[in-house]
Amino acid sequence: MLSKYTKWLLVFLFFNGIIFFNQAPIMGHHQGGVGGIGGIPRGQSAFSPETLGRDKLSLSFLFDYQDWKHFDPFKAHELEEGGRDAHSRRKDTVYNAVISYGVTDNLSLTFQFPFVERRTRQIETEELIGQREKSTGIGDVTTFGKYRFYNGLFGAAVTLGIKAPTGQTDERDSAGNRFEPEEQPGTGSTDFFFGMAINKNLGRFTIDGSILYQLTGSGAQEYEFGDVLNVGIQGTYKVKEYGRYPGLDILAGVVSEFADKDDQFRKRISDSGGTTVFFAPGLSSQLTNNLSSSFSVQFPILQNLGRDHQEVDLKVLFGIGYSF
């Protein structure tokens, strides 16, 4: 998607952006947010421009489950022997601890600490082909800053983030082979995030839209995942008015992911990258004034991936958070 020179330019703009946004003027208060990027859970199809508010703290738990469509491990072994990048992955589960803090009414910082479990089938050692394998460990820590720069006819915010290479990258299977980069808990790369979100309240109905670009770096095993562009839109209908607990929101959204191809040893991997579009219905609840939760299932409605790239069957997202 981007040349190496463009990547370095965006990294420069990233650090200048951090300085600018931390010096931004204070604007009006509006409590809320989305777990993972700036606040308590409230749906994951699109992140919201809402921020926590000055001196507010949110602690959240986010559960992210992804089920892969079955890919025959014997076929994957044949492709691997032929020099292709094939896998027979089963499921990925990520348990995230999230801490968010409102620096001002319009600036929130979020720290996300994942623990990752990846399950796959053996495709490399012939006598073990098809055997179930598991890779577990600490994932890459991510830090986000979200600044709401407008709160009038609609809300608007920008977000900047960085993913540090804190995750484990040397997990091995039962035969002693090192798992491939896609099957490790961590990536070994430093990645940057740039995004923007807007929303509009129409009585009990709210619509959120967001765009987030992930600029990836080179990681473990000389592997570099492709840059990713995520575009999401979500509609939320509030069944109960704010202040009546437990509250209930009905969610429906569409998430699109556009991924560039991966590289390893400076060679482009054809079985990677592509476009995936998900339909994401869900529910969200404000259980008390401080406690909230959300649940969403993402069903793929379009997957146009590179060659024999394994497809996703579905995703399940659950979050619960408490704000102080």
Protein backbone atom coordinates (compact mmCIF):
# COMPACT_ATOMS: atom_id res chain seq x y z
CA MET A 1 0.00 0.00 0.00
CA LEU A 2 2.75 2.43 1.01
CA SER A 3 6.39 2.84 0.03
CA LYS A 4 9.07 2.60 2.73
CA TYR A 5 9.72 6.36 2.40
CA THR A 6 6.06 7.14 2.96
CA LYS A 7 6.11 4.96 6.09
CA TRP A 8 8.97 6.96 7.60
CA LEU A 9 7.14 10.21 6.79
CA LEU A 10 4.03 8.94 8.61
CA VAL A 11 6.15 7.92 11.61
CA PHE A 12 7.52 11.48 11.75
CA LEU A 13 3.99 12.89 11.58
CA PHE A 14 2.92 10.47 14.31
CA PHE A 15 5.40 11.84 16.87
CA ASN A 16 4.61 15.43 15.90
CA GLY A 17 0.93 14.59 16.28
CA ILE A 18 1.44 13.37 19.86
CA ILE A 19 2.98 16.73 20.79
CA PHE A 20 0.19 18.68 19.08
CA PHE A 21 -2.72 16.72 20.56
CA ASN A 22 -1.38 16.88 24.11
CA GLN A 23 -1.32 20.68 23.81
CA ALA A 24 -4.85 20.92 22.40
CA PRO A 25 -7.45 23.18 24.07
CA ILE A 26 -10.10 21.78 26.44
CA MET A 27 -13.66 21.46 25.07
CA GLY A 28 -17.04 20.28 26.42
CA HIS A 29 -17.63 17.11 28.48
CA HIS A 30 -19.31 14.03 27.01
CA GLN A 31 -18.90 10.70 28.80
CA GLY A 32 -18.63 7.41 26.89
CA GLY A 33 -16.22 5.64 24.58
CA VAL A 34 -15.38 2.23 23.20
CA GLY A 35 -13.24 -0.31 25.00
CA GLY A 36 -9.91 -0.77 23.28
CA ILE A 37 -9.71 2.76 21.92
CA GLY A 38 -10.39 5.24 24.63
CA GLY A 39 -12.96 4.02 27.14
CA ILE A 40 -15.57 1.57 28.34
CA PRO A 41 -17.10 -1.06 26.02
CA ARG A 42 -19.95 0.12 23.79
CA GLY A 43 -19.77 -1.90 20.63
CA GLN A 44 -16.85 -2.71 18.35
CA SER A 45 -17.96 -2.17 14.74
CA ALA A 46 -16.63 1.39 14.86
CA PHE A 47 -14.86 3.24 17.62
CA SER A 48 -16.62 6.34 18.92
CA PRO A 49 -15.31 9.93 19.15
CA GLU A 50 -16.57 10.11 22.75
CA THR A 51 -14.00 10.40 25.53
CA LEU A 52 -14.04 9.57 29.23
CA GLY A 53 -13.84 13.09 30.67
CA ARG A 54 -11.26 14.77 32.87
CA ASP A 55 -9.72 12.59 35.61
CA LYS A 56 -12.03 9.64 34.90
CA LEU A 57 -10.61 6.12 34.93
CA SER A 58 -11.97 3.02 33.20
CA LEU A 59 -10.93 -0.61 33.73
CA SER A 60 -12.15 -3.08 31.10
CA PHE A 61 -11.88 -6.68 30.04
CA LEU A 62 -12.19 -7.44 26.32
CA PHE A 63 -12.60 -10.95 24.92
CA ASP A 64 -11.82 -11.42 21.22
CA TYR A 65 -12.47 -14.83 19.61
CA GLN A 66 -11.88 -15.69 15.95
CA ASP A 67 -12.82 -19.01 14.36
CA TRP A 68 -11.15 -20.03 11.09
CA LYS A 69 -12.77 -22.04 8.30
CA HIS A 70 -11.35 -25.56 8.11
CA PHE A 71 -8.37 -25.90 5.78
CA ASP A 72 -7.20 -29.47 5.17
CA PRO A 73 -3.79 -29.88 6.87
CA PHE A 74 -2.62 -32.38 4.22
CA LYS A 75 -3.34 -29.85 1.48
CA ALA A 76 -1.61 -27.16 3.53
CA HIS A 77 1.41 -29.46 3.88
CA GLU A 78 1.58 -29.95 0.10
CA LEU A 79 1.38 -26.20 -0.48
CA GLU A 80 4.08 -25.59 2.14
CA GLU A 81 6.35 -28.18 0.46
CA GLY A 82 5.82 -26.29 -2.80
CA GLY A 83 7.09 -23.04 -1.29
CA ARG A 84 3.71 -21.52 -0.47
CA ASP A 85 2.67 -19.89 2.82
CA ALA A 86 -0.16 -22.18 3.96
CA HIS A 87 -1.73 -22.84 7.37
CA SER A 88 -4.45 -24.91 8.99
CA ARG A 89 -5.45 -22.57 11.80
CA ARG A 90 -8.38 -23.40 14.07
CA LYS A 91 -9.11 -20.51 16.42
CA ASP A 92 -7.53 -17.43 17.98
CA THR A 93 -8.52 -16.15 21.42
CA VAL A 94 -7.29 -12.88 22.93
CA TYR A 95 -7.96 -11.81 26.52
CA ASN A 96 -7.36 -8.07 26.93
CA ALA A 97 -6.96 -6.02 30.08
CA VAL A 98 -7.62 -2.37 29.25
CA ILE A 99 -6.94 0.77 31.27
CA SER A 100 -8.23 4.15 30.07
CA TYR A 101 -7.73 7.57 31.64
CA GLY A 102 -9.26 10.95 30.81
CA VAL A 103 -6.43 13.48 30.73
CA THR A 104 -8.87 16.27 29.87
CA ASP A 105 -12.54 16.31 28.92
CA ASN A 106 -11.46 15.71 25.33
CA LEU A 107 -8.25 13.69 25.57
CA SER A 108 -8.19 10.03 26.67
CA LEU A 109 -5.28 7.60 26.90
CA THR A 110 -5.76 3.84 26.66
CA PHE A 111 -3.38 0.97 27.43
CA GLN A 112 -4.26 -2.52 26.21
CA PHE A 113 -2.52 -5.65 27.59
CA PRO A 114 -3.36 -8.88 25.70
CA PHE A 115 -2.86 -12.53 26.51
CA VAL A 116 -3.07 -14.62 23.33
CA GLU A 117 -3.96 -18.25 22.60
CA ARG A 118 -3.70 -19.56 19.03
CA ARG A 119 -4.79 -23.07 18.08
CA THR A 120 -3.74 -24.70 14.83
CA ARG A 121 -3.08 -28.06 13.18
CA GLN A 122 0.36 -29.50 12.44
CA ILE A 123 1.29 -29.26 8.76
CA GLU A 124 5.11 -29.43 8.76
CA THR A 125 6.15 -32.73 10.41
CA GLU A 126 4.77 -35.53 8.20
CA GLU A 127 4.13 -38.11 10.94
CA LEU A 128 2.19 -35.49 12.94
CA ILE A 129 0.12 -33.86 10.18
CA GLY A 130 -3.32 -32.92 11.46
CA GLN A 131 -2.31 -33.01 15.13
CA ARG A 132 -3.71 -30.13 17.19
CA GLU A 133 -1.17 -27.56 18.35
CA LYS A 134 -1.41 -24.54 20.65
CA SER A 135 0.63 -21.38 21.00
CA THR A 136 0.02 -19.20 24.09
CA GLY A 137 1.66 -16.19 25.69
CA ILE A 138 1.70 -12.48 26.28
CA GLY A 139 0.76 -10.39 23.25
CA ASP A 140 1.89 -6.96 22.06
CA VAL A 141 0.92 -4.03 24.30
CA THR A 142 -0.90 -1.19 22.55
CA THR A 143 -1.23 2.44 23.63
CA PHE A 144 -3.82 4.81 22.15
CA GLY A 145 -4.45 8.50 22.53
CA LYS A 146 -7.83 9.88 21.42
CA TYR A 147 -8.57 13.60 21.08
CA ARG A 148 -12.08 14.93 20.43
CA PHE A 149 -11.65 18.16 18.50
CA TYR A 150 -15.31 18.93 17.76
CA ASN A 151 -18.54 18.38 19.68
CA GLY A 152 -21.34 20.38 18.07
CA LEU A 153 -23.70 19.29 15.31
CA PHE A 154 -21.79 16.03 15.44
CA GLY A 155 -18.82 14.60 17.34
CA ALA A 156 -15.39 14.13 15.82
CA ALA A 157 -12.10 12.78 17.17
CA VAL A 158 -8.70 11.60 16.02
CA THR A 159 -6.70 8.75 17.50
CA LEU A 160 -3.01 7.89 17.42
CA GLY A 161 -1.54 4.67 18.72
CA ILE A 162 1.56 2.54 18.94
CA LYS A 163 1.93 -1.24 19.36
CA ALA A 164 5.12 -2.30 21.12
CA PRO A 165 6.90 -5.65 20.42
CA THR A 166 6.30 -7.03 23.91
CA GLY A 167 4.69 -10.32 22.89
CA GLN A 168 6.26 -13.76 22.77
CA THR A 169 7.63 -14.77 19.36
CA ASP A 170 9.51 -18.01 20.08
CA GLU A 171 6.71 -20.48 20.88
CA ARG A 172 7.30 -24.00 19.51
CA ASP A 173 5.04 -26.90 18.55
CA SER A 174 5.12 -30.48 19.90
CA ALA A 175 7.80 -31.42 17.35
CA GLY A 176 10.06 -28.59 18.53
CA ASN A 177 9.52 -26.45 15.44
CA ARG A 178 9.10 -22.72 15.90
CA PHE A 179 5.56 -21.61 15.08
CA GLU A 180 5.15 -19.42 12.02
CA PRO A 181 4.83 -15.63 12.66
CA GLU A 182 1.03 -15.71 12.14
CA GLU A 183 0.75 -18.37 14.87
CA GLN A 184 2.85 -16.62 17.53
CA PRO A 185 1.30 -14.59 20.41
CA GLY A 186 3.39 -11.54 19.44
CA THR A 187 4.67 -10.11 16.18
CA GLY A 188 8.03 -8.65 17.20
CA SER A 189 7.22 -5.46 15.30
CA THR A 190 6.51 -1.88 16.28
CA ASP A 191 3.33 -0.68 14.58
CA PHE A 192 1.65 2.73 14.44
CA PHE A 193 -2.07 3.57 14.24
CA PHE A 194 -3.79 6.64 12.79
CA GLY A 195 -7.53 7.08 12.85
CA MET A 196 -10.56 9.32 12.95
CA ALA A 197 -14.11 8.84 14.21
CA ILE A 198 -17.35 10.80 13.89
CA ASN A 199 -20.84 10.28 15.30
CA LYS A 200 -24.28 11.84 15.18
CA ASN A 201 -27.02 11.54 17.81
CA LEU A 202 -30.61 11.43 16.54
CA GLY A 203 -32.66 11.02 19.69
CA ARG A 204 -32.43 7.39 20.72
CA PHE A 205 -30.48 6.51 17.57
CA THR A 206 -26.73 7.12 17.20
CA ILE A 207 -24.56 6.45 14.20
CA ASP A 208 -20.77 6.04 14.53
CA GLY A 209 -18.24 5.89 11.73
CA SER A 210 -14.50 5.37 11.98
CA ILE A 211 -11.39 4.75 9.95
CA LEU A 212 -8.14 3.32 11.35
CA TYR A 213 -4.86 2.69 9.53
CA GLN A 214 -2.23 0.31 10.94
CA LEU A 215 1.29 1.00 9.73
CA THR A 216 3.30 -2.18 10.38
CA GLY A 217 7.01 -2.65 10.89
CA SER A 218 9.35 -5.59 10.40
CA GLY A 219 9.04 -8.24 13.12
CA ALA A 220 10.35 -11.62 14.25
CA GLN A 221 11.64 -14.16 11.70
CA GLU A 222 12.22 -11.28 9.26
CA TYR A 223 8.46 -11.19 8.77
CA GLU A 224 6.47 -8.01 8.09
CA PHE A 225 2.69 -8.12 8.16
CA GLY A 226 0.95 -5.96 5.59
CA ASP A 227 -0.49 -2.57 6.49
CA VAL A 228 -4.19 -2.71 7.37
CA LEU A 229 -6.99 -0.21 6.80
CA ASN A 230 -10.15 -0.72 8.89
CA VAL A 231 -13.37 1.15 8.07
CA GLY A 232 -16.44 0.70 10.26
CA ILE A 233 -19.95 2.06 10.61
CA GLN A 234 -22.35 1.23 13.45
CA GLY A 235 -25.91 2.16 14.31
CA THR A 236 -27.04 2.09 17.95
CA TYR A 237 -30.65 2.22 19.12
CA LYS A 238 -31.20 2.96 22.81
CA VAL A 239 -34.15 0.89 24.05
CA LYS A 240 -34.13 2.65 27.44
CA GLU A 241 -33.39 6.33 27.98
CA TYR A 242 -30.12 7.26 29.68
CA GLY A 243 -30.33 7.02 33.47
CA ARG A 244 -32.71 4.03 33.59
CA TYR A 245 -30.76 0.91 34.58
CA PRO A 246 -30.08 -1.58 33.35
CA GLY A 247 -30.03 0.14 29.97
CA LEU A 248 -30.10 -1.75 26.70
CA ASP A 249 -28.80 -0.77 23.26
CA ILE A 250 -29.25 -2.68 20.01
CA LEU A 251 -26.23 -2.54 17.70
CA ALA A 252 -25.75 -3.25 14.01
CA GLY A 253 -22.67 -2.46 11.97
CA VAL A 254 -20.45 -3.24 9.01
CA VAL A 255 -16.68 -3.61 9.32
CA SER A 256 -14.34 -3.62 6.32
CA GLU A 257 -10.69 -4.64 6.49
CA PHE A 258 -8.27 -4.00 3.64
CA ALA A 259 -4.91 -5.69 4.21
CA ASP A 260 -1.75 -5.37 2.16
CA LYS A 261 0.31 -8.48 1.47
CA ASP A 262 2.91 -9.67 3.97
CA ASP A 263 6.65 -9.86 3.33
CA GLN A 264 9.33 -12.24 4.58
CA PHE A 265 13.01 -11.91 3.76
CA ARG A 266 11.98 -9.03 1.47
CA LYS A 267 9.80 -11.38 -0.59
CA ARG A 268 6.12 -10.70 -1.11
CA ILE A 269 3.82 -13.49 0.15
CA SER A 270 1.03 -14.19 -2.32
CA ASP A 271 -1.10 -16.17 0.20
CA SER A 272 -1.76 -13.08 2.32
CA GLY A 273 -3.63 -9.79 2.33
CA GLY A 274 -7.00 -9.05 0.77
CA THR A 275 -10.39 -7.63 1.67
CA THR A 276 -12.84 -8.86 4.31
CA VAL A 277 -16.24 -7.34 5.11
CA PHE A 278 -18.18 -8.31 8.24
CA PHE A 279 -21.78 -7.75 9.31
CA ALA A 280 -21.81 -7.19 13.07
CA PRO A 281 -25.04 -7.28 15.10
CA GLY A 282 -24.84 -6.99 18.87
CA LEU A 283 -26.13 -5.72 22.20
CA SER A 284 -24.78 -3.19 24.67
CA SER A 285 -25.92 -2.49 28.21
CA GLN A 286 -25.28 0.26 30.75
CA LEU A 287 -25.79 -1.99 33.78
CA THR A 288 -25.28 0.79 36.34
CA ASN A 289 -24.01 4.35 36.22
CA ASN A 290 -20.44 2.97 36.19
CA LEU A 291 -20.70 -0.58 34.82
CA SER A 292 -21.24 -1.33 31.13
CA SER A 293 -20.92 -4.28 28.76
CA SER A 294 -21.25 -5.15 25.09
CA PHE A 295 -21.48 -8.27 22.93
CA SER A 296 -21.12 -8.57 19.17
CA VAL A 297 -20.79 -11.35 16.59
CA GLN A 298 -19.13 -10.59 13.26
CA PHE A 299 -20.16 -12.67 10.25
CA PRO A 300 -18.07 -12.38 7.05
CA ILE A 301 -20.17 -11.37 4.06
CA LEU A 302 -17.22 -10.89 1.70
CA GLN A 303 -13.73 -12.39 1.69
CA ASN A 304 -11.50 -11.63 -1.27
CA LEU A 305 -8.13 -12.87 -0.05
CA GLY A 306 -4.74 -13.64 -1.55
CA ARG A 307 -4.60 -17.04 -3.30
CA ASP A 308 -4.98 -19.80 -0.65
CA HIS A 309 -5.18 -17.47 2.35
CA GLN A 310 -7.34 -19.20 4.99
CA GLU A 311 -10.77 -17.59 5.49
CA VAL A 312 -12.46 -16.52 8.72
CA ASP A 313 -15.64 -18.28 9.84
CA LEU A 314 -16.77 -15.75 12.47
CA LYS A 315 -15.64 -13.44 15.26
CA VAL A 316 -17.08 -12.98 18.75
CA LEU A 317 -16.38 -9.85 20.78
CA PHE A 318 -17.34 -9.27 24.40
CA GLY A 319 -16.40 -6.43 26.71
CA ILE A 320 -17.20 -5.34 30.23
CA GLY A 321 -15.88 -2.22 31.91
CA TYR A 322 -16.15 -0.14 35.07
CA SER A 323 -15.55 3.59 35.14
CA PHE A 324 -14.60 5.67 38.18
